[in-house]
N, C-alpha and C. Protein backbone atom coordinates (compact mmCIF):
# COMPACT_ATOMS: atom_id res chain seq x y z
N UNK A 1 27.52 1.03 0.52
CA UNK A 1 26.12 1.45 1.02
C UNK A 1 25.36 0.20 1.10
N UNK A 2 24.33 0.36 2.05
CA UNK A 2 23.78 -0.81 2.61
C UNK A 2 22.74 -0.98 2.03
N UNK A 3 21.98 -1.94 1.34
CA UNK A 3 20.81 -2.19 0.67
C UNK A 3 19.65 -1.86 1.47
N UNK A 4 18.69 -2.07 0.93
CA UNK A 4 17.25 -1.82 1.43
C UNK A 4 17.00 -2.81 2.78
N UNK A 5 17.12 -3.94 2.26
CA UNK A 5 17.21 -5.36 3.35
C UNK A 5 18.01 -5.07 4.50
N UNK A 6 19.16 -4.62 4.37
CA UNK A 6 19.82 -4.37 5.53
C UNK A 6 19.39 -2.93 6.34
N UNK A 7 18.88 -1.93 5.65
CA UNK A 7 18.47 -0.96 6.41
C UNK A 7 17.14 -1.58 7.07
N UNK A 8 16.59 -1.99 6.31
CA UNK A 8 15.20 -2.70 7.01
C UNK A 8 15.63 -3.58 8.66
N UNK A 9 16.51 -4.29 8.19
CA UNK A 9 17.00 -5.27 9.32
C UNK A 9 17.49 -4.35 10.44
N UNK A 10 18.16 -3.08 10.14
CA UNK A 10 18.89 -2.26 11.31
C UNK A 10 18.23 -1.77 11.87
N UNK A 11 17.00 -1.04 11.18
CA UNK A 11 15.80 -0.32 12.16
C UNK A 11 15.10 -1.31 12.86
N UNK A 12 14.93 -2.81 12.44
CA UNK A 12 14.16 -3.57 13.53
C UNK A 12 14.71 -3.90 14.77
N UNK A 13 16.30 -4.21 14.48
CA UNK A 13 17.10 -3.96 15.68
C UNK A 13 17.10 -2.92 16.66
N UNK A 14 17.01 -1.55 15.63
CA UNK A 14 16.85 -0.60 16.80
C UNK A 14 15.76 -0.51 17.47
N UNK A 15 14.44 -1.06 16.76
CA UNK A 15 13.00 -1.15 17.52
C UNK A 15 13.19 -1.86 18.64
N UNK A 16 13.97 -3.28 18.61
CA UNK A 16 14.16 -4.06 19.52
C UNK A 16 14.90 -3.76 20.73
N UNK A 17 16.10 -2.83 20.52
CA UNK A 17 16.76 -2.38 21.52
C UNK A 17 15.99 -1.28 22.30
N UNK A 18 15.15 -0.56 21.43
CA UNK A 18 14.24 0.68 22.21
C UNK A 18 13.16 -0.41 22.99
N UNK A 19 12.60 -1.35 22.57
CA UNK A 19 11.79 -2.14 23.29
C UNK A 19 12.31 -2.66 24.50
N UNK A 20 13.49 -3.43 24.62
CA UNK A 20 14.33 -3.60 25.69
C UNK A 20 14.31 -2.60 26.76
N UNK A 21 14.60 -1.31 26.05
CA UNK A 21 15.24 -0.18 27.42
C UNK A 21 13.83 -0.07 27.73
N UNK A 22 12.68 0.06 27.09
CA UNK A 22 11.18 0.50 27.73
C UNK A 22 11.15 -0.83 28.93
N UNK A 23 11.29 -1.90 28.39
CA UNK A 23 10.77 -2.95 29.52
C UNK A 23 11.97 -2.56 30.97
N UNK A 24 13.33 -2.32 30.43
CA UNK A 24 14.10 -2.14 31.67
C UNK A 24 13.59 -0.84 32.57
N UNK A 25 13.23 -0.12 31.80
CA UNK A 25 12.74 1.36 32.66
C UNK A 25 11.39 0.66 33.40
N UNK A 26 10.45 -0.13 33.01
CA UNK A 26 9.08 -0.29 33.46
C UNK A 26 9.50 -1.11 34.55
N UNK A 27 10.48 -2.32 34.45
CA UNK A 27 11.08 -3.01 35.68
C UNK A 27 11.28 -2.21 36.81
N UNK A 28 12.29 -1.26 36.30
CA UNK A 28 12.72 -0.01 37.08
C UNK A 28 11.68 0.52 38.41
N UNK A 29 10.52 0.89 37.35
CA UNK A 29 9.58 1.62 37.74
C UNK A 29 8.60 0.52 39.18
N UNK A 30 8.48 -0.82 38.22
CA UNK A 30 7.70 -1.81 39.02
C UNK A 30 8.40 -2.30 40.38
N UNK A 31 9.84 -1.83 40.51
CA UNK A 31 10.28 -2.18 41.59
C UNK A 31 10.18 -1.38 42.72
N UNK A 32 9.86 -0.09 42.69
CA UNK A 32 9.75 0.93 43.67
C UNK A 32 8.58 1.00 44.48
N UNK A 33 8.81 1.49 45.71
CA UNK A 33 7.59 1.56 46.39
C UNK A 33 6.82 2.53 45.94
N UNK A 34 7.03 3.76 45.43
CA UNK A 34 6.08 4.83 45.02
C UNK A 34 5.08 3.95 43.79
N UNK A 35 5.68 2.60 43.00
CA UNK A 35 4.92 2.27 42.15
C UNK A 35 3.64 1.64 42.97
N UNK A 36 3.67 1.19 43.91
CA UNK A 36 2.83 0.18 44.56
C UNK A 36 1.89 0.97 45.28
N UNK A 37 2.36 2.29 45.92
CA UNK A 37 1.53 3.02 46.43
C UNK A 37 0.58 4.12 46.03
N UNK A 38 1.37 4.68 45.04
CA UNK A 38 1.02 5.69 44.19
C UNK A 38 -0.51 5.14 43.19
N UNK A 39 -1.53 5.96 43.05
CA UNK A 39 -2.44 5.44 42.01
C UNK A 39 -2.10 6.32 40.70
N UNK A 40 -1.61 7.74 40.75
CA UNK A 40 -1.34 8.39 39.87
C UNK A 40 -0.14 7.28 38.92
N UNK A 41 0.97 6.97 39.65
CA UNK A 41 2.00 6.18 39.04
C UNK A 41 1.48 4.82 38.43
N UNK A 42 0.89 4.33 39.05
CA UNK A 42 0.13 2.95 38.66
C UNK A 42 -0.71 3.08 37.46
N UNK A 43 -1.35 4.35 37.46
CA UNK A 43 -2.17 4.62 36.39
C UNK A 43 -1.26 5.14 35.10
N UNK A 44 -0.08 5.84 35.31
CA UNK A 44 0.47 6.36 34.08
C UNK A 44 1.36 5.09 33.54
N UNK A 45 1.97 4.04 34.49
CA UNK A 45 2.57 2.75 34.10
C UNK A 45 1.84 1.93 33.52
N UNK A 46 0.38 1.74 33.65
CA UNK A 46 -0.51 1.21 32.97
C UNK A 46 -0.58 1.68 31.63
N UNK A 47 -0.93 2.69 31.44
CA UNK A 47 -0.91 3.66 30.17
C UNK A 47 0.49 3.33 29.08
N UNK A 48 1.08 3.28 30.12
CA UNK A 48 2.78 3.14 29.44
C UNK A 48 2.64 1.69 28.64
N UNK A 49 2.22 0.47 29.68
CA UNK A 49 2.17 -0.71 29.26
C UNK A 49 1.44 -0.81 28.06
N UNK A 50 0.48 -0.22 28.02
CA UNK A 50 -0.47 -0.30 27.05
C UNK A 50 -0.24 -0.02 25.67
N UNK A 51 0.62 1.04 25.61
CA UNK A 51 1.68 1.63 24.36
C UNK A 51 2.39 0.74 24.07
N UNK A 52 3.42 0.13 24.87
CA UNK A 52 4.50 -0.73 24.89
C UNK A 52 3.82 -1.79 24.13
N UNK A 53 2.88 -2.64 24.27
CA UNK A 53 1.87 -3.68 23.69
C UNK A 53 1.66 -3.21 22.15
N UNK A 54 1.46 -2.10 22.12
CA UNK A 54 1.01 -1.85 20.89
C UNK A 54 2.70 -1.50 19.94
N UNK A 55 3.31 -1.03 20.62
CA UNK A 55 4.74 -0.91 20.00
C UNK A 55 5.27 -2.25 19.46
N UNK A 56 5.07 -3.30 20.62
CA UNK A 56 5.28 -4.93 20.29
C UNK A 56 4.81 -5.23 19.07
N UNK A 57 3.74 -4.91 18.93
CA UNK A 57 2.67 -5.48 17.77
C UNK A 57 3.23 -4.83 16.34
N UNK A 58 3.47 -3.56 16.74
CA UNK A 58 3.98 -3.11 15.22
C UNK A 58 5.34 -3.26 14.89
N UNK A 59 5.97 -4.04 15.87
CA UNK A 59 7.36 -4.40 15.80
C UNK A 59 7.16 -5.92 14.73
N UNK A 60 6.21 -6.75 15.42
CA UNK A 60 5.98 -8.09 15.09
C UNK A 60 5.39 -7.89 13.51
N UNK A 61 4.70 -6.95 13.08
CA UNK A 61 3.95 -6.39 11.80
C UNK A 61 5.37 -6.18 11.01
N UNK A 62 6.48 -5.42 11.67
CA UNK A 62 7.38 -4.84 10.63
C UNK A 62 8.15 -6.23 10.22
N UNK A 63 8.41 -6.71 11.17
CA UNK A 63 9.24 -8.39 10.88
C UNK A 63 8.52 -9.22 9.62
N UNK A 64 7.17 -8.97 9.80
CA UNK A 64 6.41 -10.01 8.55
C UNK A 64 6.39 -9.34 7.35
N UNK A 65 6.66 -8.00 7.25
CA UNK A 65 6.83 -7.36 5.85
C UNK A 65 7.96 -7.36 5.28
N UNK A 66 7.74 -7.43 3.88
CA UNK A 66 9.36 -7.23 2.93
C UNK A 66 9.93 -5.70 3.49
N UNK A 67 11.00 -5.89 3.09
CA UNK A 67 12.03 -4.47 3.07
C UNK A 67 10.96 -3.38 2.34
N UNK A 68 10.62 -3.86 1.22
CA UNK A 68 10.47 -2.79 0.33
C UNK A 68 8.89 -2.06 0.97
N UNK A 69 8.10 -3.01 1.31
CA UNK A 69 6.88 -2.65 2.01
C UNK A 69 7.11 -1.96 3.23
N UNK A 70 7.91 -2.46 4.28
CA UNK A 70 8.47 -1.59 5.32
C UNK A 70 8.68 -0.26 5.03
N UNK A 71 9.68 0.09 4.24
CA UNK A 71 10.52 1.08 3.72
C UNK A 71 9.39 2.10 3.11
N UNK A 72 8.41 1.78 2.75
CA UNK A 72 6.94 2.41 1.77
C UNK A 72 6.78 3.17 3.15
N UNK A 73 6.00 2.42 3.99
CA UNK A 73 5.56 3.02 5.44
C UNK A 73 6.26 3.73 6.37
N UNK A 74 7.36 3.08 6.42
CA UNK A 74 8.24 4.04 7.79
C UNK A 74 8.05 3.22 8.61
N UNK A 75 8.88 3.68 9.78
CA UNK A 75 8.85 3.14 11.22
C UNK A 75 8.10 3.95 12.06
N UNK A 76 7.59 3.51 13.27
CA UNK A 76 6.66 4.17 14.39
C UNK A 76 8.01 5.28 15.20
N UNK A 77 8.85 5.59 14.30
CA UNK A 77 9.91 6.21 15.67
C UNK A 77 9.23 7.16 16.29
N UNK A 78 8.73 8.06 16.10
CA UNK A 78 7.97 9.36 17.06
C UNK A 78 7.16 8.41 18.16
N UNK A 79 6.68 7.57 17.99
CA UNK A 79 5.89 6.77 19.22
C UNK A 79 6.90 5.94 20.14
N UNK A 80 7.81 5.80 19.34
CA UNK A 80 8.70 4.72 20.21
C UNK A 80 9.52 6.07 21.30
N UNK A 81 9.86 7.22 20.73
CA UNK A 81 10.35 8.28 21.39
C UNK A 81 9.33 8.85 22.55
N UNK A 82 8.19 9.10 21.91
CA UNK A 82 7.44 9.64 23.03
C UNK A 82 7.01 8.57 24.29
N UNK A 83 6.69 7.35 23.87
CA UNK A 83 6.91 6.37 25.01
C UNK A 83 7.77 6.22 25.91
N UNK A 84 9.12 6.37 25.37
CA UNK A 84 10.61 5.96 26.37
C UNK A 84 10.49 7.84 27.13
N UNK A 85 10.32 8.40 26.36
CA UNK A 85 10.47 9.67 27.09
C UNK A 85 9.60 10.09 28.24
N UNK A 86 8.03 9.25 27.90
CA UNK A 86 7.23 9.40 29.19
C UNK A 86 7.51 8.49 30.27
N UNK A 87 8.38 7.40 29.82
CA UNK A 87 9.01 6.35 30.80
C UNK A 87 9.94 6.97 31.83
N UNK A 88 10.89 7.50 31.16
CA UNK A 88 12.07 8.16 31.63
C UNK A 88 11.43 9.07 32.41
N UNK A 89 10.61 9.96 32.38
CA UNK A 89 10.22 11.16 33.29
C UNK A 89 9.86 10.53 34.55
N UNK A 90 8.91 9.20 34.11
CA UNK A 90 8.29 8.73 35.07
C UNK A 90 9.39 8.10 36.33
N UNK A 91 10.25 7.78 35.67
CA UNK A 91 11.49 6.93 36.54
C UNK A 91 12.25 8.23 37.59
N UNK A 92 12.44 9.27 36.84
CA UNK A 92 13.08 10.47 37.44
C UNK A 92 12.18 10.81 38.47
N UNK A 93 10.84 11.10 38.05
CA UNK A 93 9.96 11.53 38.84
C UNK A 93 9.83 10.64 40.52
N UNK A 94 10.09 9.39 40.11
CA UNK A 94 9.92 8.51 41.00
C UNK A 94 11.56 8.30 42.29
N UNK A 95 12.47 8.74 41.52
CA UNK A 95 13.95 8.63 41.93
C UNK A 95 13.73 10.00 42.89
N UNK A 96 13.08 11.13 42.41
CA UNK A 96 13.51 12.28 43.42
C UNK A 96 12.45 12.56 44.61
């Protein structure tokens, strides 16, 4: 069974992978014609970029904490999922 340090590292790696996924989806949106022409899409993407910055800061804070501190507070998993879902819906809307 993994110890608390291994669990904390695993969660940090998961957050890093999710952040990378968000970055990939944002790059996909940025490359579309709709992203440059639609004020609504640009506004949504800007909002998502701000939330992404918040998530990146939270990830940096998690890295600085000890495993015990991190485990007590828990991770921002719900926020990660919300941002990723919003971004995936935006990508789908642009593709169709």
